[in-house]
Amino acid sequence: MSECKLDHSQEDVKSKYESIAAFLSEDMKLLFNQFFEKEHTQDILNHVFHLLKKYDLATEEEQANRNNRLYLVLKNV
C-alpha cells in the first residue's frame, strides 16, 4: 500500500468500511461496530482506512494479510 498524505475522518473510514463490509467476516464486523463507538487518533484512522481501501480488489493472500493487521488494530483500541 502506498503512503497517502491525506487525513481521513472517522466518517471516511466508516464509509469505506460500509462499501466493503460484505467481504468481511461477522466477527470483524462486530469489532468495527465497537471501533466506531469510540474516538481514535488520526494515525489509527488513516491506517484503518488504507487497510480497507481496495480491499475487495486485493488477492486472497493480501486480504488475509490485511485481516491480520485489522484484527491487531481493532482488538487493541
PDB file of N, CA and C in Angstrom:
ATOM      1  N   MET A   1       0.849  -1.179   0.000  1.00  0.00           N
ATOM      2  CA  MET A   1       0.000   0.000   0.000  1.00  0.00           C
ATOM      3  C   MET A   1       0.888   1.233   0.000  1.00  0.00           C
ATOM      4  N   SER A   2       0.487   2.201  -0.764  1.00  0.00           N
ATOM      5  CA  SER A   2       1.283   3.413  -0.856  1.00  0.00           C
ATOM      6  C   SER A   2       0.921   4.383   0.255  1.00  0.00           C
ATOM      7  N   GLU A   3       1.862   5.264   0.527  1.00  0.00           N
ATOM      8  CA  GLU A   3       1.646   6.294   1.532  1.00  0.00           C
ATOM      9  C   GLU A   3       0.676   7.335   0.992  1.00  0.00           C
ATOM     10  N   CYS A   4      -0.190   7.816   1.851  1.00  0.00           N
ATOM     11  CA  CYS A   4      -1.149   8.848   1.480  1.00  0.00           C
ATOM     12  C   CYS A   4      -0.947  10.017   2.422  1.00  0.00           C
ATOM     13  N   LYS A   5      -0.971  11.202   1.885  1.00  0.00           N
ATOM     14  CA  LYS A   5      -0.753  12.400   2.705  1.00  0.00           C
ATOM     15  C   LYS A   5      -2.060  12.984   3.240  1.00  0.00           C
ATOM     16  N   LEU A   6      -3.198  12.385   2.877  1.00  0.00           N
ATOM     17  CA  LEU A   6      -4.486  12.886   3.333  1.00  0.00           C
ATOM     18  C   LEU A   6      -4.833  12.314   4.702  1.00  0.00           C
ATOM     19  N   ASP A   7      -5.468  13.131   5.517  1.00  0.00           N
ATOM     20  CA  ASP A   7      -6.026  12.640   6.773  1.00  0.00           C
ATOM     21  C   ASP A   7      -7.471  12.250   6.529  1.00  0.00           C
ATOM     22  N   HIS A   8      -7.844  11.082   7.027  1.00  0.00           N
ATOM     23  CA  HIS A   8      -9.188  10.570   6.814  1.00  0.00           C
ATOM     24  C   HIS A   8      -9.985  10.679   8.111  1.00  0.00           C
ATOM     25  N   SER A   9     -11.204  11.164   7.994  1.00  0.00           N
ATOM     26  CA  SER A   9     -12.074  11.315   9.158  1.00  0.00           C
ATOM     27  C   SER A   9     -12.686   9.975   9.539  1.00  0.00           C
ATOM     28  N   GLN A  10     -13.296   9.936  10.707  1.00  0.00           N
ATOM     29  CA  GLN A  10     -13.986   8.719  11.119  1.00  0.00           C
ATOM     30  C   GLN A  10     -15.107   8.413  10.127  1.00  0.00           C
ATOM     31  N   GLU A  11     -15.756   9.431   9.602  1.00  0.00           N
ATOM     32  CA  GLU A  11     -16.812   9.224   8.600  1.00  0.00           C
ATOM     33  C   GLU A  11     -16.245   8.635   7.308  1.00  0.00           C
ATOM     34  N   ASP A  12     -15.043   9.071   6.908  1.00  0.00           N
ATOM     35  CA  ASP A  12     -14.385   8.483   5.734  1.00  0.00           C
ATOM     36  C   ASP A  12     -14.156   6.992   5.950  1.00  0.00           C
ATOM     37  N   VAL A  13     -13.653   6.653   7.144  1.00  0.00           N
ATOM     38  CA  VAL A  13     -13.365   5.256   7.459  1.00  0.00           C
ATOM     39  C   VAL A  13     -14.663   4.451   7.465  1.00  0.00           C
ATOM     40  N   LYS A  14     -15.706   5.018   8.073  1.00  0.00           N
ATOM     41  CA  LYS A  14     -16.989   4.320   8.143  1.00  0.00           C
ATOM     42  C   LYS A  14     -17.568   4.093   6.747  1.00  0.00           C
ATOM     43  N   SER A  15     -17.471   5.080   5.906  1.00  0.00           N
ATOM     44  CA  SER A  15     -17.968   4.957   4.533  1.00  0.00           C
ATOM     45  C   SER A  15     -17.194   3.881   3.774  1.00  0.00           C
ATOM     46  N   LYS A  16     -15.871   3.883   3.932  1.00  0.00           N
ATOM     47  CA  LYS A  16     -15.049   2.868   3.263  1.00  0.00           C
ATOM     48  C   LYS A  16     -15.395   1.485   3.803  1.00  0.00           C
ATOM     49  N   TYR A  17     -15.560   1.366   5.128  1.00  0.00           N
ATOM     50  CA  TYR A  17     -15.945   0.094   5.742  1.00  0.00           C
ATOM     51  C   TYR A  17     -17.279  -0.392   5.165  1.00  0.00           C
ATOM     52  N   GLU A  18     -18.276   0.478   5.105  1.00  0.00           N
ATOM     53  CA  GLU A  18     -19.595   0.093   4.604  1.00  0.00           C
ATOM     54  C   GLU A  18     -19.540  -0.382   3.157  1.00  0.00           C
ATOM     55  N   SER A  19     -18.615   0.175   2.382  1.00  0.00           N
ATOM     56  CA  SER A  19     -18.526  -0.215   0.974  1.00  0.00           C
ATOM     57  C   SER A  19     -17.909  -1.600   0.775  1.00  0.00           C
ATOM     58  N   ILE A  20     -17.177  -2.106   1.784  1.00  0.00           N
ATOM     59  CA  ILE A  20     -16.553  -3.425   1.629  1.00  0.00           C
ATOM     60  C   ILE A  20     -16.991  -4.417   2.716  1.00  0.00           C
ATOM     61  N   ALA A  21     -17.940  -4.037   3.542  1.00  0.00           N
ATOM     62  CA  ALA A  21     -18.362  -4.879   4.669  1.00  0.00           C
ATOM     63  C   ALA A  21     -18.793  -6.276   4.229  1.00  0.00           C
ATOM     64  N   ALA A  22     -19.364  -6.405   3.054  1.00  0.00           N
ATOM     65  CA  ALA A  22     -19.817  -7.714   2.569  1.00  0.00           C
ATOM     66  C   ALA A  22     -18.662  -8.700   2.415  1.00  0.00           C
ATOM     67  N   PHE A  23     -17.435  -8.203   2.330  1.00  0.00           N
ATOM     68  CA  PHE A  23     -16.261  -9.057   2.154  1.00  0.00           C
ATOM     69  C   PHE A  23     -15.623  -9.459   3.486  1.00  0.00           C
ATOM     70  N   LEU A  24     -16.129  -8.901   4.596  1.00  0.00           N
ATOM     71  CA  LEU A  24     -15.528  -9.140   5.911  1.00  0.00           C
ATOM     72  C   LEU A  24     -16.304 -10.187   6.699  1.00  0.00           C
ATOM     73  N   SER A  25     -15.613 -10.842   7.622  1.00  0.00           N
ATOM     74  CA  SER A  25     -16.244 -11.847   8.479  1.00  0.00           C
ATOM     75  C   SER A  25     -17.157 -11.169   9.503  1.00  0.00           C
ATOM     76  N   GLU A  26     -18.079 -11.944  10.039  1.00  0.00           N
ATOM     77  CA  GLU A  26     -19.015 -11.403  11.030  1.00  0.00           C
ATOM     78  C   GLU A  26     -18.292 -10.912  12.294  1.00  0.00           C
ATOM     79  N   ASP A  27     -17.265 -11.639  12.731  1.00  0.00           N
ATOM     80  CA  ASP A  27     -16.559 -11.199  13.936  1.00  0.00           C
ATOM     81  C   ASP A  27     -15.808  -9.892  13.691  1.00  0.00           C
ATOM     82  N   MET A  28     -15.311  -9.687  12.480  1.00  0.00           N
ATOM     83  CA  MET A  28     -14.656  -8.418  12.168  1.00  0.00           C
ATOM     84  C   MET A  28     -15.686  -7.296  12.145  1.00  0.00           C
ATOM     85  N   LYS A  29     -16.881  -7.572  11.647  1.00  0.00           N
ATOM     86  CA  LYS A  29     -17.936  -6.554  11.623  1.00  0.00           C
ATOM     87  C   LYS A  29     -18.292  -6.124  13.047  1.00  0.00           C
ATOM     88  N   LEU A  30     -18.329  -7.071  13.968  1.00  0.00           N
ATOM     89  CA  LEU A  30     -18.596  -6.735  15.372  1.00  0.00           C
ATOM     90  C   LEU A  30     -17.504  -5.832  15.926  1.00  0.00           C
ATOM     91  N   LEU A  31     -16.255  -6.136  15.603  1.00  0.00           N
ATOM     92  CA  LEU A  31     -15.146  -5.305  16.057  1.00  0.00           C
ATOM     93  C   LEU A  31     -15.235  -3.893  15.466  1.00  0.00           C
ATOM     94  N   PHE A  32     -15.651  -3.803  14.215  1.00  0.00           N
ATOM     95  CA  PHE A  32     -15.814  -2.479  13.610  1.00  0.00           C
ATOM     96  C   PHE A  32     -16.945  -1.704  14.282  1.00  0.00           C
ATOM     97  N   ASN A  33     -18.028  -2.374  14.646  1.00  0.00           N
ATOM     98  CA  ASN A  33     -19.109  -1.682  15.360  1.00  0.00           C
ATOM     99  C   ASN A  33     -18.584  -1.069  16.647  1.00  0.00           C
ATOM    100  N   GLN A  34     -17.755  -1.801  17.372  1.00  0.00           N
ATOM    101  CA  GLN A  34     -17.149  -1.285  18.598  1.00  0.00           C
ATOM    102  C   GLN A  34     -16.172  -0.153  18.278  1.00  0.00           C
ATOM    103  N   PHE A  35     -15.413  -0.309  17.214  1.00  0.00           N
ATOM    104  CA  PHE A  35     -14.441   0.695  16.787  1.00  0.00           C
ATOM    105  C   PHE A  35     -15.131   2.043  16.541  1.00  0.00           C
ATOM    106  N   PHE A  36     -16.272   2.012  15.869  1.00  0.00           N
ATOM    107  CA  PHE A  36     -16.947   3.259  15.511  1.00  0.00           C
ATOM    108  C   PHE A  36     -17.653   3.925  16.687  1.00  0.00           C
ATOM    109  N   GLU A  37     -17.733   3.246  17.814  1.00  0.00           N
ATOM    110  CA  GLU A  37     -18.335   3.845  19.011  1.00  0.00           C
ATOM    111  C   GLU A  37     -17.366   4.745  19.762  1.00  0.00           C
ATOM    112  N   LYS A  38     -16.087   4.720  19.385  1.00  0.00           N
ATOM    113  CA  LYS A  38     -15.052   5.477  20.097  1.00  0.00           C
ATOM    114  C   LYS A  38     -14.373   6.473  19.179  1.00  0.00           C
ATOM    115  N   GLU A  39     -13.673   7.410  19.801  1.00  0.00           N
ATOM    116  CA  GLU A  39     -12.819   8.352  19.073  1.00  0.00           C
ATOM    117  C   GLU A  39     -11.445   7.705  18.907  1.00  0.00           C
ATOM    118  N   HIS A  40     -10.758   8.028  17.789  1.00  0.00           N
ATOM    119  CA  HIS A  40      -9.448   7.447  17.536  1.00  0.00           C
ATOM    120  C   HIS A  40      -8.485   8.502  17.024  1.00  0.00           C
ATOM    121  N   THR A  41      -7.196   8.218  17.192  1.00  0.00           N
ATOM    122  CA  THR A  41      -6.183   9.150  16.707  1.00  0.00           C
ATOM    123  C   THR A  41      -6.199   9.191  15.185  1.00  0.00           C
ATOM    124  N   GLN A  42      -5.650  10.252  14.658  1.00  0.00           N
ATOM    125  CA  GLN A  42      -5.576  10.401  13.204  1.00  0.00           C
ATOM    126  C   GLN A  42      -4.765   9.278  12.587  1.00  0.00           C
ATOM    127  N   ASP A  43      -3.694   8.872  13.241  1.00  0.00           N
ATOM    128  CA  ASP A  43      -2.861   7.779  12.715  1.00  0.00           C
ATOM    129  C   ASP A  43      -3.660   6.485  12.577  1.00  0.00           C
ATOM    130  N   ILE A  44      -4.453   6.173  13.595  1.00  0.00           N
ATOM    131  CA  ILE A  44      -5.259   4.944  13.541  1.00  0.00           C
ATOM    132  C   ILE A  44      -6.305   5.034  12.443  1.00  0.00           C
ATOM    133  N   LEU A  45      -6.979   6.168  12.346  1.00  0.00           N
ATOM    134  CA  LEU A  45      -7.990   6.333  11.295  1.00  0.00           C
ATOM    135  C   LEU A  45      -7.369   6.175   9.912  1.00  0.00           C
ATOM    136  N   ASN A  46      -6.229   6.801   9.697  1.00  0.00           N
ATOM    137  CA  ASN A  46      -5.563   6.696   8.393  1.00  0.00           C
ATOM    138  C   ASN A  46      -5.147   5.256   8.109  1.00  0.00           C
ATOM    139  N   HIS A  47      -4.601   4.588   9.116  1.00  0.00           N
ATOM    140  CA  HIS A  47      -4.138   3.215   8.944  1.00  0.00           C
ATOM    141  C   HIS A  47      -5.306   2.289   8.589  1.00  0.00           C
ATOM    142  N   VAL A  48      -6.399   2.384   9.320  1.00  0.00           N
ATOM    143  CA  VAL A  48      -7.558   1.528   9.058  1.00  0.00           C
ATOM    144  C   VAL A  48      -8.143   1.838   7.679  1.00  0.00           C
ATOM    145  N   PHE A  49      -8.226   3.115   7.331  1.00  0.00           N
ATOM    146  CA  PHE A  49      -8.749   3.494   6.017  1.00  0.00           C
ATOM    147  C   PHE A  49      -7.953   2.801   4.909  1.00  0.00           C
ATOM    148  N   HIS A  50      -6.634   2.830   5.024  1.00  0.00           N
ATOM    149  CA  HIS A  50      -5.808   2.269   3.956  1.00  0.00           C
ATOM    150  C   HIS A  50      -5.812   0.748   3.946  1.00  0.00           C
ATOM    151  N   LEU A  51      -6.078   0.122   5.074  1.00  0.00           N
ATOM    152  CA  LEU A  51      -6.256  -1.328   5.077  1.00  0.00           C
ATOM    153  C   LEU A  51      -7.561  -1.717   4.377  1.00  0.00           C
ATOM    154  N   LEU A  52      -8.558  -0.854   4.469  1.00  0.00           N
ATOM    155  CA  LEU A  52      -9.846  -1.116   3.832  1.00  0.00           C
ATOM    156  C   LEU A  52      -9.862  -0.732   2.355  1.00  0.00           C
ATOM    157  N   LYS A  53      -9.031   0.236   1.994  1.00  0.00           N
ATOM    158  CA  LYS A  53      -9.021   0.758   0.626  1.00  0.00           C
ATOM    159  C   LYS A  53      -8.717  -0.354  -0.374  1.00  0.00           C
ATOM    160  N   LYS A  54      -9.589  -0.517  -1.349  1.00  0.00           N
ATOM    161  CA  LYS A  54      -9.477  -1.520  -2.414  1.00  0.00           C
ATOM    162  C   LYS A  54      -9.341  -2.939  -1.860  1.00  0.00           C
ATOM    163  N   TYR A  55      -9.872  -3.164  -0.668  1.00  0.00           N
ATOM    164  CA  TYR A  55      -9.846  -4.498  -0.049  1.00  0.00           C
ATOM    165  C   TYR A  55     -10.476  -5.531  -0.967  1.00  0.00           C
ATOM    166  N   ASP A  56     -11.592  -5.165  -1.577  1.00  0.00           N
ATOM    167  CA  ASP A  56     -12.326  -6.090  -2.432  1.00  0.00           C
ATOM    168  C   ASP A  56     -11.558  -6.465  -3.704  1.00  0.00           C
ATOM    169  N   LEU A  57     -10.577  -5.672  -4.074  1.00  0.00           N
ATOM    170  CA  LEU A  57      -9.789  -5.946  -5.276  1.00  0.00           C
ATOM    171  C   LEU A  57      -8.489  -6.685  -4.964  1.00  0.00           C
ATOM    172  N   ALA A  58      -8.181  -6.828  -3.681  1.00  0.00           N
ATOM    173  CA  ALA A  58      -6.933  -7.479  -3.269  1.00  0.00           C
ATOM    174  C   ALA A  58      -7.019  -8.990  -3.460  1.00  0.00           C
ATOM    175  N   THR A  59      -5.859  -9.611  -3.622  1.00  0.00           N
ATOM    176  CA  THR A  59      -5.807 -11.067  -3.713  1.00  0.00           C
ATOM    177  C   THR A  59      -6.207 -11.668  -2.371  1.00  0.00           C
ATOM    178  N   GLU A  60      -6.518 -12.956  -2.362  1.00  0.00           N
ATOM    179  CA  GLU A  60      -6.865 -13.624  -1.100  1.00  0.00           C
ATOM    180  C   GLU A  60      -5.729 -13.518  -0.099  1.00  0.00           C
ATOM    181  N   GLU A  61      -4.497 -13.654  -0.576  1.00  0.00           N
ATOM    182  CA  GLU A  61      -3.330 -13.552   0.307  1.00  0.00           C
ATOM    183  C   GLU A  61      -3.233 -12.150   0.910  1.00  0.00           C
ATOM    184  N   GLU A  62      -3.439 -11.132   0.086  1.00  0.00           N
ATOM    185  CA  GLU A  62      -3.384  -9.749   0.575  1.00  0.00           C
ATOM    186  C   GLU A  62      -4.546  -9.481   1.534  1.00  0.00           C
ATOM    187  N   GLN A  63      -5.730 -10.009   1.249  1.00  0.00           N
ATOM    188  CA  GLN A  63      -6.862  -9.845   2.165  1.00  0.00           C
ATOM    189  C   GLN A  63      -6.555 -10.480   3.516  1.00  0.00           C
ATOM    190  N   ALA A  64      -5.946 -11.654   3.505  1.00  0.00           N
ATOM    191  CA  ALA A  64      -5.587 -12.322   4.759  1.00  0.00           C
ATOM    192  C   ALA A  64      -4.583 -11.480   5.546  1.00  0.00           C
ATOM    193  N   ASN A  65      -3.621 -10.904   4.842  1.00  0.00           N
ATOM    194  CA  ASN A  65      -2.639 -10.031   5.486  1.00  0.00           C
ATOM    195  C   ASN A  65      -3.331  -8.816   6.103  1.00  0.00           C
ATOM    196  N   ARG A  66      -4.222  -8.199   5.345  1.00  0.00           N
ATOM    197  CA  ARG A  66      -4.951  -7.028   5.852  1.00  0.00           C
ATOM    198  C   ARG A  66      -5.845  -7.416   7.031  1.00  0.00           C
ATOM    199  N   ASN A  67      -6.485  -8.596   6.946  1.00  0.00           N
ATOM    200  CA  ASN A  67      -7.319  -9.051   8.067  1.00  0.00           C
ATOM    201  C   ASN A  67      -6.498  -9.140   9.345  1.00  0.00           C
ATOM    202  N   ASN A  68      -5.320  -9.723   9.250  1.00  0.00           N
ATOM    203  CA  ASN A  68      -4.456  -9.837  10.432  1.00  0.00           C
ATOM    204  C   ASN A  68      -4.130  -8.469  11.003  1.00  0.00           C
ATOM    205  N   ARG A  69      -3.803  -7.540  10.147  1.00  0.00           N
ATOM    206  CA  ARG A  69      -3.453  -6.185  10.600  1.00  0.00           C
ATOM    207  C   ARG A  69      -4.681  -5.475  11.181  1.00  0.00           C
ATOM    208  N   LEU A  70      -5.841  -5.669  10.548  1.00  0.00           N
ATOM    209  CA  LEU A  70      -7.075  -5.072  11.079  1.00  0.00           C
ATOM    210  C   LEU A  70      -7.413  -5.637  12.452  1.00  0.00           C
ATOM    211  N   TYR A  71      -7.293  -6.955  12.613  1.00  0.00           N
ATOM    212  CA  TYR A  71      -7.561  -7.559  13.925  1.00  0.00           C
ATOM    213  C   TYR A  71      -6.635  -6.973  14.984  1.00  0.00           C
ATOM    214  N   LEU A  72      -5.366  -6.792  14.651  1.00  0.00           N
ATOM    215  CA  LEU A  72      -4.431  -6.210  15.612  1.00  0.00           C
ATOM    216  C   LEU A  72      -4.888  -4.824  16.071  1.00  0.00           C
ATOM    217  N   VAL A  73      -5.307  -4.014  15.112  1.00  0.00           N
ATOM    218  CA  VAL A  73      -5.754  -2.655  15.453  1.00  0.00           C
ATOM    219  C   VAL A  73      -7.072  -2.691  16.203  1.00  0.00           C
ATOM    220  N   LEU A  74      -8.054  -3.403  15.664  1.00  0.00           N
ATOM    221  CA  LEU A  74      -9.405  -3.371  16.221  1.00  0.00           C
ATOM    222  C   LEU A  74      -9.484  -3.984  17.623  1.00  0.00           C
ATOM    223  N   LYS A  75      -8.651  -4.952  17.907  1.00  0.00           N
ATOM    224  CA  LYS A  75      -8.679  -5.595  19.224  1.00  0.00           C
ATOM    225  C   LYS A  75      -7.876  -4.818  20.266  1.00  0.00           C
ATOM    226  N   ASN A  76      -7.119  -3.818  19.818  1.00  0.00           N
ATOM    227  CA  ASN A  76      -6.247  -3.103  20.741  1.00  0.00           C
ATOM    228  C   ASN A  76      -6.546  -1.614  20.856  1.00  0.00           C
ATOM    229  N   VAL A  77      -7.704  -1.192  20.391  1.00  0.00           N
ATOM    230  CA  VAL A  77      -8.076   0.229  20.548  1.00  0.00           C
ATOM    231  C   VAL A  77      -9.195   0.366  21.546  1.00  0.00           C
TER     232      VAL A  77
END
